[in-house]
N, C-alpha and C. Protein backbone atom coordinates (compact mmCIF):
# COMPACT_ATOMS: atom_id res chain seq x y z
N MET A 1 0.40 7.22 -25.17
CA MET A 1 0.95 8.55 -24.97
C MET A 1 2.46 8.48 -25.10
N ILE A 2 3.01 9.37 -25.87
CA ILE A 2 4.43 9.41 -26.06
C ILE A 2 5.02 10.35 -25.02
N TYR A 3 6.06 9.85 -24.37
CA TYR A 3 6.73 10.61 -23.31
C TYR A 3 7.05 12.04 -23.73
N GLY A 4 6.58 12.98 -23.01
CA GLY A 4 6.95 14.39 -23.26
C GLY A 4 6.01 15.11 -24.22
N ASN A 5 5.28 14.41 -25.06
CA ASN A 5 4.38 15.10 -26.01
C ASN A 5 3.33 15.93 -25.31
N GLN A 6 2.94 15.54 -24.14
CA GLN A 6 1.89 16.27 -23.39
C GLN A 6 2.45 17.44 -22.63
N TRP A 7 3.74 17.59 -22.50
CA TRP A 7 4.31 18.60 -21.66
C TRP A 7 3.82 20.04 -22.01
N PRO A 8 3.84 20.42 -23.31
CA PRO A 8 3.34 21.82 -23.61
C PRO A 8 1.87 21.96 -23.23
N ILE A 9 1.09 20.88 -23.38
CA ILE A 9 -0.34 20.93 -23.01
C ILE A 9 -0.47 21.11 -21.50
N TYR A 10 0.32 20.34 -20.72
CA TYR A 10 0.28 20.45 -19.29
C TYR A 10 0.65 21.89 -18.85
N ALA A 11 1.67 22.44 -19.46
CA ALA A 11 2.10 23.82 -19.09
C ALA A 11 0.97 24.82 -19.36
N LYS A 12 0.34 24.68 -20.51
CA LYS A 12 -0.76 25.59 -20.86
C LYS A 12 -1.94 25.40 -19.89
N GLN A 13 -2.26 24.13 -19.56
CA GLN A 13 -3.32 23.88 -18.62
C GLN A 13 -2.98 24.44 -17.23
N TRP A 14 -1.79 24.29 -16.82
CA TRP A 14 -1.36 24.84 -15.51
C TRP A 14 -1.52 26.36 -15.50
N ASP A 15 -1.10 27.01 -16.58
CA ASP A 15 -1.19 28.49 -16.62
C ASP A 15 -2.64 28.93 -16.64
N GLU A 16 -3.54 28.14 -17.24
CA GLU A 16 -4.93 28.54 -17.35
C GLU A 16 -5.77 28.09 -16.13
N MET A 17 -5.24 27.11 -15.36
CA MET A 17 -5.98 26.48 -14.30
C MET A 17 -6.31 27.46 -13.17
N GLN A 18 -7.54 27.32 -12.69
CA GLN A 18 -7.96 28.01 -11.48
C GLN A 18 -8.67 26.93 -10.65
N ILE A 19 -8.44 27.01 -9.35
CA ILE A 19 -9.21 26.15 -8.47
C ILE A 19 -10.63 26.66 -8.45
N LEU A 20 -11.59 25.77 -8.60
CA LEU A 20 -12.97 26.18 -8.61
C LEU A 20 -13.33 26.86 -7.31
N PRO A 21 -13.97 28.01 -7.36
CA PRO A 21 -14.27 28.78 -6.15
C PRO A 21 -15.07 27.98 -5.12
N ASN A 22 -15.96 27.15 -5.58
CA ASN A 22 -16.78 26.36 -4.62
C ASN A 22 -16.00 25.19 -4.04
N ARG A 23 -14.78 24.95 -4.51
CA ARG A 23 -13.91 23.89 -4.01
C ARG A 23 -12.68 24.39 -3.26
N LEU A 24 -12.46 25.71 -3.24
CA LEU A 24 -11.27 26.30 -2.70
C LEU A 24 -11.03 25.94 -1.26
N ASN A 25 -12.03 26.01 -0.38
CA ASN A 25 -11.89 25.70 1.03
C ASN A 25 -11.51 24.22 1.17
N GLU A 26 -12.12 23.33 0.39
CA GLU A 26 -11.81 21.90 0.46
C GLU A 26 -10.37 21.67 0.01
N VAL A 27 -9.93 22.27 -1.04
CA VAL A 27 -8.55 22.11 -1.57
C VAL A 27 -7.58 22.61 -0.47
N ASN A 28 -7.84 23.73 0.11
CA ASN A 28 -6.94 24.24 1.15
C ASN A 28 -6.89 23.34 2.36
N LYS A 29 -8.03 22.78 2.77
CA LYS A 29 -8.01 21.83 3.88
C LYS A 29 -7.19 20.62 3.59
N VAL A 30 -7.31 20.09 2.38
CA VAL A 30 -6.53 18.92 1.93
C VAL A 30 -5.05 19.29 1.99
N ALA A 31 -4.70 20.42 1.41
CA ALA A 31 -3.27 20.82 1.39
C ALA A 31 -2.69 20.97 2.78
N HIS A 32 -3.45 21.58 3.66
CA HIS A 32 -2.94 21.76 5.05
C HIS A 32 -2.81 20.40 5.74
N ARG A 33 -3.72 19.50 5.53
CA ARG A 33 -3.66 18.18 6.12
C ARG A 33 -2.40 17.44 5.61
N LEU A 34 -2.16 17.52 4.28
CA LEU A 34 -1.00 16.85 3.70
C LEU A 34 0.29 17.51 4.20
N PHE A 35 0.32 18.84 4.25
CA PHE A 35 1.51 19.55 4.74
C PHE A 35 1.85 19.16 6.16
N ALA A 36 0.82 18.92 6.98
CA ALA A 36 1.08 18.47 8.39
C ALA A 36 1.83 17.19 8.48
N SER A 37 1.84 16.40 7.38
CA SER A 37 2.59 15.13 7.36
C SER A 37 3.82 15.21 6.50
N LYS A 38 4.29 16.37 6.23
CA LYS A 38 5.47 16.57 5.36
C LYS A 38 6.69 15.74 5.82
N ILE A 39 6.92 15.65 7.12
CA ILE A 39 8.07 14.90 7.65
C ILE A 39 7.99 13.44 7.23
N ARG A 40 6.79 12.90 7.30
CA ARG A 40 6.64 11.49 6.90
C ARG A 40 6.83 11.30 5.40
N TYR A 41 6.30 12.20 4.60
CA TYR A 41 6.51 12.14 3.17
C TYR A 41 7.99 12.39 2.81
N ALA A 42 8.63 13.26 3.55
CA ALA A 42 10.03 13.58 3.29
C ALA A 42 10.92 12.34 3.54
N ALA A 43 10.55 11.52 4.47
CA ALA A 43 11.32 10.28 4.73
C ALA A 43 11.27 9.36 3.48
N VAL A 44 10.12 9.29 2.85
CA VAL A 44 10.00 8.47 1.62
C VAL A 44 10.77 9.17 0.48
N GLU A 45 10.73 10.51 0.44
CA GLU A 45 11.48 11.25 -0.55
C GLU A 45 13.00 10.91 -0.42
N GLN A 46 13.50 10.86 0.83
CA GLN A 46 14.91 10.54 1.04
C GLN A 46 15.22 9.16 0.47
N ALA A 47 14.34 8.23 0.61
CA ALA A 47 14.59 6.85 0.14
C ALA A 47 14.41 6.68 -1.39
N THR A 48 13.70 7.62 -2.04
CA THR A 48 13.32 7.40 -3.43
C THR A 48 13.72 8.55 -4.37
N THR A 49 13.98 9.74 -3.90
CA THR A 49 14.22 10.99 -4.65
C THR A 49 12.93 11.55 -5.24
N VAL A 50 11.77 10.95 -4.97
CA VAL A 50 10.48 11.49 -5.44
C VAL A 50 10.08 12.59 -4.47
N PRO A 51 9.81 13.83 -4.95
CA PRO A 51 9.50 14.92 -4.04
C PRO A 51 8.30 14.60 -3.11
N TRP A 52 8.41 15.11 -1.93
CA TRP A 52 7.40 14.81 -0.91
C TRP A 52 6.00 15.27 -1.39
N TYR A 53 5.90 16.38 -2.10
CA TYR A 53 4.57 16.84 -2.54
C TYR A 53 3.97 15.91 -3.61
N MET A 54 4.84 15.27 -4.40
CA MET A 54 4.32 14.26 -5.34
C MET A 54 3.72 13.09 -4.59
N ILE A 55 4.44 12.63 -3.60
CA ILE A 55 3.99 11.48 -2.76
C ILE A 55 2.70 11.85 -2.03
N ALA A 56 2.65 13.04 -1.46
CA ALA A 56 1.49 13.47 -0.73
C ALA A 56 0.23 13.52 -1.61
N ALA A 57 0.40 14.11 -2.82
CA ALA A 57 -0.76 14.19 -3.72
C ALA A 57 -1.23 12.81 -4.15
N ILE A 58 -0.31 11.89 -4.41
CA ILE A 58 -0.69 10.53 -4.77
C ILE A 58 -1.37 9.87 -3.59
N HIS A 59 -0.90 10.08 -2.38
CA HIS A 59 -1.50 9.50 -1.19
C HIS A 59 -2.96 10.00 -1.03
N GLU A 60 -3.15 11.26 -1.27
CA GLU A 60 -4.52 11.81 -1.24
C GLU A 60 -5.40 11.15 -2.28
N ARG A 61 -4.93 11.09 -3.50
CA ARG A 61 -5.73 10.56 -4.60
C ARG A 61 -6.00 9.07 -4.40
N GLU A 62 -5.05 8.31 -3.98
CA GLU A 62 -5.22 6.86 -3.89
C GLU A 62 -6.04 6.43 -2.68
N SER A 63 -5.99 7.20 -1.57
CA SER A 63 -6.69 6.74 -0.40
C SER A 63 -7.20 7.83 0.56
N GLY A 64 -7.20 9.06 0.11
CA GLY A 64 -7.64 10.12 1.01
C GLY A 64 -6.74 10.28 2.20
N GLN A 65 -5.44 10.01 1.97
CA GLN A 65 -4.38 10.06 3.00
C GLN A 65 -4.62 9.05 4.11
N ASP A 66 -5.15 7.92 3.79
CA ASP A 66 -5.32 6.84 4.80
C ASP A 66 -3.96 6.15 4.96
N TRP A 67 -3.43 6.19 6.18
CA TRP A 67 -2.10 5.64 6.45
C TRP A 67 -2.12 4.12 6.55
N LYS A 68 -3.32 3.53 6.50
CA LYS A 68 -3.43 2.06 6.48
C LYS A 68 -3.50 1.54 5.02
N ALA A 69 -3.59 2.47 4.07
CA ALA A 69 -3.75 2.08 2.66
C ALA A 69 -2.46 2.32 1.90
N SER A 70 -2.20 1.43 0.93
CA SER A 70 -1.01 1.51 0.09
C SER A 70 -1.06 2.70 -0.86
N LEU A 71 0.06 3.27 -1.11
CA LEU A 71 0.19 4.36 -2.09
C LEU A 71 -0.10 3.82 -3.49
N ALA A 72 0.10 2.51 -3.69
CA ALA A 72 -0.03 1.92 -5.02
C ALA A 72 -1.47 2.00 -5.59
N GLN A 73 -2.45 1.71 -4.72
CA GLN A 73 -3.83 1.60 -5.22
C GLN A 73 -4.86 1.76 -4.11
N GLY A 74 -4.44 2.01 -2.94
CA GLY A 74 -5.42 2.21 -1.85
C GLY A 74 -5.79 0.94 -1.09
N ASP A 75 -5.26 -0.22 -1.52
CA ASP A 75 -5.47 -1.45 -0.75
C ASP A 75 -4.65 -1.39 0.55
N ARG A 76 -5.02 -2.16 1.53
CA ARG A 76 -4.25 -2.17 2.80
C ARG A 76 -2.83 -2.67 2.51
N TRP A 77 -1.85 -1.97 3.05
CA TRP A 77 -0.46 -2.37 2.80
C TRP A 77 -0.03 -3.57 3.62
N ASP A 78 -0.77 -3.90 4.65
CA ASP A 78 -0.39 -5.07 5.48
C ASP A 78 -0.97 -6.38 4.99
N ARG A 79 -1.55 -6.34 3.79
CA ARG A 79 -2.10 -7.51 3.09
C ARG A 79 -1.63 -7.52 1.65
N VAL A 80 -1.80 -8.64 0.96
CA VAL A 80 -1.49 -8.71 -0.45
C VAL A 80 -2.56 -7.94 -1.18
N SER A 81 -2.15 -7.03 -2.09
CA SER A 81 -3.10 -6.19 -2.78
C SER A 81 -3.90 -6.97 -3.81
N ILE A 82 -5.15 -6.53 -3.99
CA ILE A 82 -6.06 -7.20 -4.94
C ILE A 82 -6.36 -6.32 -6.14
N HIS A 83 -6.20 -5.02 -6.04
CA HIS A 83 -6.40 -4.09 -7.15
C HIS A 83 -5.07 -3.82 -7.84
N VAL A 84 -5.13 -3.25 -9.04
CA VAL A 84 -3.95 -2.99 -9.82
C VAL A 84 -3.07 -1.96 -9.17
N PRO A 85 -1.79 -2.22 -8.91
CA PRO A 85 -1.07 -3.45 -9.13
C PRO A 85 -1.40 -4.50 -8.03
N ALA A 86 -1.93 -5.63 -8.47
CA ALA A 86 -2.31 -6.72 -7.56
C ALA A 86 -1.08 -7.56 -7.23
N GLY A 87 -1.15 -8.22 -6.07
CA GLY A 87 -0.13 -9.14 -5.69
C GLY A 87 1.06 -8.51 -4.98
N ARG A 88 0.94 -7.26 -4.57
CA ARG A 88 2.02 -6.55 -3.87
C ARG A 88 1.80 -6.68 -2.35
N GLY A 89 2.85 -6.84 -1.62
CA GLY A 89 2.75 -6.90 -0.22
C GLY A 89 2.55 -8.32 0.35
N PRO A 90 2.36 -8.43 1.59
CA PRO A 90 2.20 -7.34 2.61
C PRO A 90 3.56 -6.67 2.90
N PHE A 91 3.47 -5.47 3.45
CA PHE A 91 4.65 -4.68 3.75
C PHE A 91 4.71 -4.46 5.25
N ALA A 92 5.87 -4.09 5.73
CA ALA A 92 6.11 -3.84 7.16
C ALA A 92 5.59 -2.48 7.60
N SER A 93 5.39 -1.54 6.69
CA SER A 93 4.95 -0.20 7.04
C SER A 93 4.38 0.51 5.81
N TRP A 94 3.70 1.65 6.09
CA TRP A 94 3.20 2.45 4.99
C TRP A 94 4.37 2.90 4.11
N GLU A 95 5.45 3.31 4.78
CA GLU A 95 6.63 3.82 4.07
C GLU A 95 7.20 2.76 3.14
N ALA A 96 7.31 1.50 3.60
CA ALA A 96 7.83 0.43 2.72
C ALA A 96 6.94 0.20 1.55
N ALA A 97 5.62 0.23 1.76
CA ALA A 97 4.67 0.06 0.66
C ALA A 97 4.80 1.26 -0.30
N ALA A 98 4.97 2.44 0.18
CA ALA A 98 5.11 3.62 -0.68
C ALA A 98 6.34 3.56 -1.54
N ILE A 99 7.44 3.16 -0.95
CA ILE A 99 8.71 3.03 -1.70
C ILE A 99 8.54 2.00 -2.78
N ASP A 100 7.87 0.87 -2.49
CA ASP A 100 7.60 -0.13 -3.51
C ASP A 100 6.74 0.41 -4.62
N ALA A 101 5.68 1.16 -4.32
CA ALA A 101 4.77 1.70 -5.32
C ALA A 101 5.49 2.67 -6.20
N LEU A 102 6.29 3.52 -5.67
CA LEU A 102 7.03 4.52 -6.47
C LEU A 102 8.05 3.84 -7.35
N HIS A 103 8.64 2.80 -6.87
CA HIS A 103 9.63 2.04 -7.69
C HIS A 103 8.92 1.32 -8.85
N ILE A 104 7.81 0.69 -8.59
CA ILE A 104 7.09 -0.08 -9.65
C ILE A 104 6.79 0.84 -10.81
N ASP A 105 6.31 2.03 -10.53
CA ASP A 105 5.88 2.96 -11.59
C ASP A 105 7.03 3.80 -12.16
N GLY A 106 8.26 3.53 -11.76
CA GLY A 106 9.42 4.19 -12.33
C GLY A 106 9.64 5.61 -11.87
N LEU A 107 8.93 6.06 -10.87
CA LEU A 107 9.15 7.42 -10.40
C LEU A 107 10.50 7.58 -9.72
N THR A 108 11.04 6.50 -9.20
CA THR A 108 12.35 6.58 -8.58
C THR A 108 13.48 6.82 -9.56
N LEU A 109 13.21 6.69 -10.85
CA LEU A 109 14.25 6.87 -11.90
C LEU A 109 14.21 8.30 -12.48
N VAL A 110 13.24 9.09 -12.13
CA VAL A 110 13.11 10.45 -12.69
C VAL A 110 14.25 11.31 -12.11
N LYS A 111 14.95 12.01 -12.98
CA LYS A 111 16.10 12.83 -12.54
C LYS A 111 15.76 14.23 -12.12
N ASP A 112 14.80 14.86 -12.75
CA ASP A 112 14.40 16.18 -12.29
C ASP A 112 12.88 16.24 -12.30
N TRP A 113 12.37 17.11 -11.46
CA TRP A 113 10.91 17.18 -11.28
C TRP A 113 10.34 18.54 -11.69
N ARG A 114 10.61 18.94 -12.91
CA ARG A 114 9.99 20.17 -13.38
C ARG A 114 8.48 20.00 -13.47
N LEU A 115 7.77 21.09 -13.53
CA LEU A 115 6.30 21.09 -13.49
C LEU A 115 5.68 20.09 -14.46
N GLU A 116 6.10 20.18 -15.73
CA GLU A 116 5.49 19.36 -16.76
C GLU A 116 5.73 17.85 -16.47
N LYS A 117 6.89 17.52 -15.98
CA LYS A 117 7.20 16.13 -15.63
C LYS A 117 6.34 15.68 -14.46
N SER A 118 6.21 16.54 -13.52
CA SER A 118 5.35 16.18 -12.33
C SER A 118 3.93 15.82 -12.79
N LEU A 119 3.37 16.71 -13.63
CA LEU A 119 2.01 16.47 -14.11
C LEU A 119 1.93 15.18 -14.98
N PHE A 120 2.93 14.98 -15.79
CA PHE A 120 3.01 13.77 -16.59
C PHE A 120 3.07 12.52 -15.75
N TYR A 121 3.93 12.50 -14.75
CA TYR A 121 4.09 11.33 -13.91
C TYR A 121 2.93 11.09 -13.01
N TRP A 122 2.24 12.14 -12.59
CA TRP A 122 0.99 11.91 -11.83
C TRP A 122 -0.03 11.19 -12.70
N GLU A 123 -0.18 11.70 -13.95
CA GLU A 123 -1.14 11.06 -14.84
C GLU A 123 -0.71 9.64 -15.17
N LYS A 124 0.57 9.43 -15.47
CA LYS A 124 1.07 8.08 -15.74
C LYS A 124 0.84 7.14 -14.56
N TYR A 125 1.05 7.63 -13.36
CA TYR A 125 0.87 6.85 -12.18
C TYR A 125 -0.53 6.30 -12.10
N ASN A 126 -1.51 7.11 -12.39
CA ASN A 126 -2.89 6.71 -12.33
C ASN A 126 -3.32 5.95 -13.59
N GLY A 127 -2.69 6.22 -14.70
CA GLY A 127 -3.07 5.56 -15.98
C GLY A 127 -3.35 6.61 -17.03
N THR A 128 -3.00 6.34 -18.26
CA THR A 128 -3.11 7.32 -19.32
C THR A 128 -4.39 7.15 -20.13
N GLY A 129 -5.36 6.46 -19.60
CA GLY A 129 -6.62 6.20 -20.32
C GLY A 129 -7.40 7.44 -20.67
N TYR A 130 -7.25 8.49 -19.89
CA TYR A 130 -8.00 9.76 -20.20
C TYR A 130 -7.51 10.37 -21.50
N PHE A 131 -6.21 10.16 -21.79
CA PHE A 131 -5.64 10.65 -23.04
C PHE A 131 -6.37 10.03 -24.23
N ALA A 132 -6.70 8.74 -24.09
CA ALA A 132 -7.41 8.03 -25.17
C ALA A 132 -8.84 8.58 -25.36
N HIS A 133 -9.41 9.18 -24.33
CA HIS A 133 -10.73 9.77 -24.40
C HIS A 133 -10.65 11.30 -24.69
N ASN A 134 -9.42 11.76 -24.97
CA ASN A 134 -9.19 13.17 -25.29
C ASN A 134 -9.67 14.10 -24.15
N LEU A 135 -9.41 13.65 -22.93
CA LEU A 135 -9.87 14.43 -21.73
C LEU A 135 -8.66 14.65 -20.84
N PRO A 136 -8.62 15.78 -20.19
CA PRO A 136 -7.60 16.03 -19.13
C PRO A 136 -7.90 15.12 -18.00
N SER A 137 -6.90 14.49 -17.44
CA SER A 137 -7.12 13.51 -16.34
C SER A 137 -7.54 14.25 -15.05
N PRO A 138 -8.68 13.78 -14.49
CA PRO A 138 -9.10 14.37 -13.21
C PRO A 138 -8.10 14.05 -12.09
N TYR A 139 -7.30 13.02 -12.25
CA TYR A 139 -6.25 12.74 -11.28
C TYR A 139 -5.38 13.99 -11.12
N ASN A 140 -5.10 14.66 -12.21
CA ASN A 140 -4.32 15.92 -12.16
C ASN A 140 -5.25 17.12 -11.90
N TRP A 141 -6.39 17.19 -12.57
CA TRP A 141 -7.14 18.46 -12.71
C TRP A 141 -8.40 18.51 -11.91
N GLY A 142 -8.70 17.49 -11.07
CA GLY A 142 -9.92 17.54 -10.25
C GLY A 142 -9.99 18.81 -9.43
N ALA A 143 -11.16 19.39 -9.32
CA ALA A 143 -11.47 20.58 -8.52
C ALA A 143 -10.92 21.87 -9.19
N THR A 144 -10.60 21.78 -10.48
CA THR A 144 -10.09 22.93 -11.22
C THR A 144 -10.95 23.21 -12.46
N THR A 145 -10.69 24.35 -13.07
CA THR A 145 -11.41 24.75 -14.28
C THR A 145 -11.00 23.90 -15.47
N ILE A 146 -9.95 23.09 -15.37
CA ILE A 146 -9.48 22.25 -16.47
C ILE A 146 -10.31 20.95 -16.56
N GLN A 147 -10.82 20.50 -15.40
CA GLN A 147 -11.50 19.23 -15.38
C GLN A 147 -12.79 19.20 -16.23
N LYS A 148 -13.03 18.09 -16.84
CA LYS A 148 -14.23 17.86 -17.69
C LYS A 148 -14.89 16.55 -17.18
N PRO A 149 -16.19 16.38 -17.49
CA PRO A 149 -16.88 15.11 -17.10
C PRO A 149 -16.21 13.93 -17.85
N GLY A 150 -16.29 12.78 -17.17
CA GLY A 150 -15.71 11.55 -17.69
C GLY A 150 -14.79 10.99 -16.63
N LYS A 151 -14.94 9.71 -16.32
CA LYS A 151 -14.19 9.09 -15.22
C LYS A 151 -14.13 7.62 -15.35
N TYR A 152 -12.99 7.02 -15.05
CA TYR A 152 -12.87 5.62 -14.81
C TYR A 152 -13.43 5.35 -13.41
N THR A 153 -14.51 4.59 -13.37
CA THR A 153 -15.17 4.31 -12.07
C THR A 153 -14.62 3.06 -11.41
N GLY A 154 -13.70 2.38 -12.08
CA GLY A 154 -13.00 1.21 -11.58
C GLY A 154 -11.94 0.86 -12.58
N ASP A 155 -11.14 -0.15 -12.29
CA ASP A 155 -10.07 -0.54 -13.21
C ASP A 155 -10.69 -0.93 -14.56
N GLY A 156 -10.44 -0.10 -15.60
CA GLY A 156 -10.95 -0.36 -16.94
C GLY A 156 -12.41 -0.10 -17.17
N LYS A 157 -13.12 0.53 -16.23
CA LYS A 157 -14.55 0.80 -16.34
C LYS A 157 -14.74 2.30 -16.56
N TRP A 158 -15.22 2.67 -17.79
CA TRP A 158 -15.33 4.06 -18.20
C TRP A 158 -16.75 4.58 -18.13
N SER A 159 -16.93 5.83 -17.68
CA SER A 159 -18.25 6.48 -17.69
C SER A 159 -18.06 7.90 -18.24
N PHE A 160 -18.74 8.21 -19.32
CA PHE A 160 -18.69 9.59 -19.89
C PHE A 160 -19.42 10.60 -19.00
N ASN A 161 -20.37 10.14 -18.21
CA ASN A 161 -21.24 11.06 -17.47
C ASN A 161 -20.82 11.32 -16.01
N THR A 162 -19.83 10.57 -15.55
CA THR A 162 -19.39 10.68 -14.14
C THR A 162 -18.29 11.73 -14.05
N THR A 163 -18.39 12.60 -13.03
CA THR A 163 -17.35 13.57 -12.78
C THR A 163 -16.62 13.18 -11.48
N ASP A 164 -15.31 13.12 -11.55
CA ASP A 164 -14.46 12.78 -10.44
C ASP A 164 -14.66 13.86 -9.36
N THR A 165 -14.93 13.47 -8.12
CA THR A 165 -15.13 14.44 -7.05
C THR A 165 -13.93 14.71 -6.20
N GLN A 166 -12.85 13.98 -6.42
CA GLN A 166 -11.65 14.14 -5.65
C GLN A 166 -10.87 15.40 -6.09
N VAL A 167 -10.09 15.94 -5.19
CA VAL A 167 -9.20 17.04 -5.52
C VAL A 167 -8.06 16.49 -6.33
N GLY A 168 -7.70 17.17 -7.40
CA GLY A 168 -6.61 16.71 -8.28
C GLY A 168 -5.26 17.14 -7.81
N CYS A 169 -4.26 16.47 -8.36
CA CYS A 169 -2.86 16.76 -7.93
C CYS A 169 -2.41 18.18 -8.26
N ALA A 170 -2.86 18.74 -9.38
CA ALA A 170 -2.47 20.11 -9.72
C ALA A 170 -3.04 21.10 -8.68
N ALA A 171 -4.28 20.92 -8.30
CA ALA A 171 -4.88 21.78 -7.27
C ALA A 171 -4.15 21.63 -5.95
N ILE A 172 -3.83 20.40 -5.60
CA ILE A 172 -3.08 20.14 -4.38
C ILE A 172 -1.71 20.86 -4.43
N LEU A 173 -1.02 20.69 -5.57
CA LEU A 173 0.29 21.34 -5.67
C LEU A 173 0.16 22.84 -5.54
N LYS A 174 -0.79 23.45 -6.25
CA LYS A 174 -0.94 24.90 -6.18
C LYS A 174 -1.20 25.32 -4.72
N ALA A 175 -2.05 24.64 -4.00
CA ALA A 175 -2.35 24.99 -2.62
C ALA A 175 -1.17 24.72 -1.74
N LEU A 176 -0.39 23.67 -1.95
CA LEU A 176 0.79 23.43 -1.16
C LEU A 176 1.88 24.48 -1.38
N MET A 177 1.99 24.94 -2.61
CA MET A 177 2.96 25.97 -2.91
C MET A 177 2.63 27.28 -2.16
N ALA A 178 1.36 27.51 -1.92
CA ALA A 178 0.91 28.71 -1.19
C ALA A 178 1.29 28.60 0.31
N ILE A 179 1.41 27.34 0.79
CA ILE A 179 1.69 27.08 2.20
C ILE A 179 3.20 26.97 2.44
N ASP A 180 3.91 26.32 1.52
CA ASP A 180 5.30 25.93 1.72
C ASP A 180 6.19 26.55 0.63
N SER A 181 6.89 27.59 1.00
CA SER A 181 7.71 28.31 0.04
C SER A 181 8.96 27.52 -0.41
N THR A 182 9.22 26.39 0.23
CA THR A 182 10.37 25.57 -0.15
C THR A 182 10.06 24.74 -1.41
N ILE A 183 8.82 24.65 -1.80
CA ILE A 183 8.43 23.96 -3.06
C ILE A 183 8.76 24.90 -4.20
N GLN A 184 9.81 24.55 -4.92
CA GLN A 184 10.28 25.35 -6.05
C GLN A 184 10.09 24.53 -7.32
N ILE A 185 9.17 24.87 -8.15
CA ILE A 185 8.88 24.15 -9.38
C ILE A 185 9.54 24.88 -10.56
N VAL A 186 10.39 24.10 -11.23
CA VAL A 186 11.01 24.61 -12.45
C VAL A 186 10.09 24.32 -13.61
N ARG A 187 10.07 25.21 -14.59
CA ARG A 187 9.24 25.04 -15.81
C ARG A 187 10.16 24.59 -16.95
N GLU A 188 9.58 23.84 -17.88
CA GLU A 188 10.25 23.52 -19.13
C GLU A 188 10.53 24.77 -19.92
N THR A 189 11.68 24.84 -20.54
CA THR A 189 12.01 26.08 -21.30
C THR A 189 11.96 25.77 -22.76
């Protein structure tokens, strides 16, 4: 995937996206749960410049907001990680592990967080393998009308017939924006 080539596609998907009606309550519960921890995510934002809502959505996707699990891949942060990225840690806290994870994936170098970049970096964070299958990443689009069947069921293990059941980052962002008016997303012009 070439940096930025997906941005117009992400913008179009965002504009067309609807949270699936049968998933709306679930998405709202996730968003409210994440919003309740905004102060904790904001502390990591202060250390990294990565917006708190980016961190919160990654935390949900990687571990269902488990504070004992690393933001990098869901392994325990107080032990050396075994999943990709393997060999990280142990860390002194969830926050230290989160800062490390965001740094590894280059999110700490991003200068502005417009909508298209946010969607790009969420997908990049998880891996761009869905692009190779010509599918929108469920990491972004889970629980929305954009999501299609197909899922990596493990590191490098693909299934055409599996549908990701987790709430995607775009659905989380949309629900968080309805809760928190301070989230101001700029669009690419």
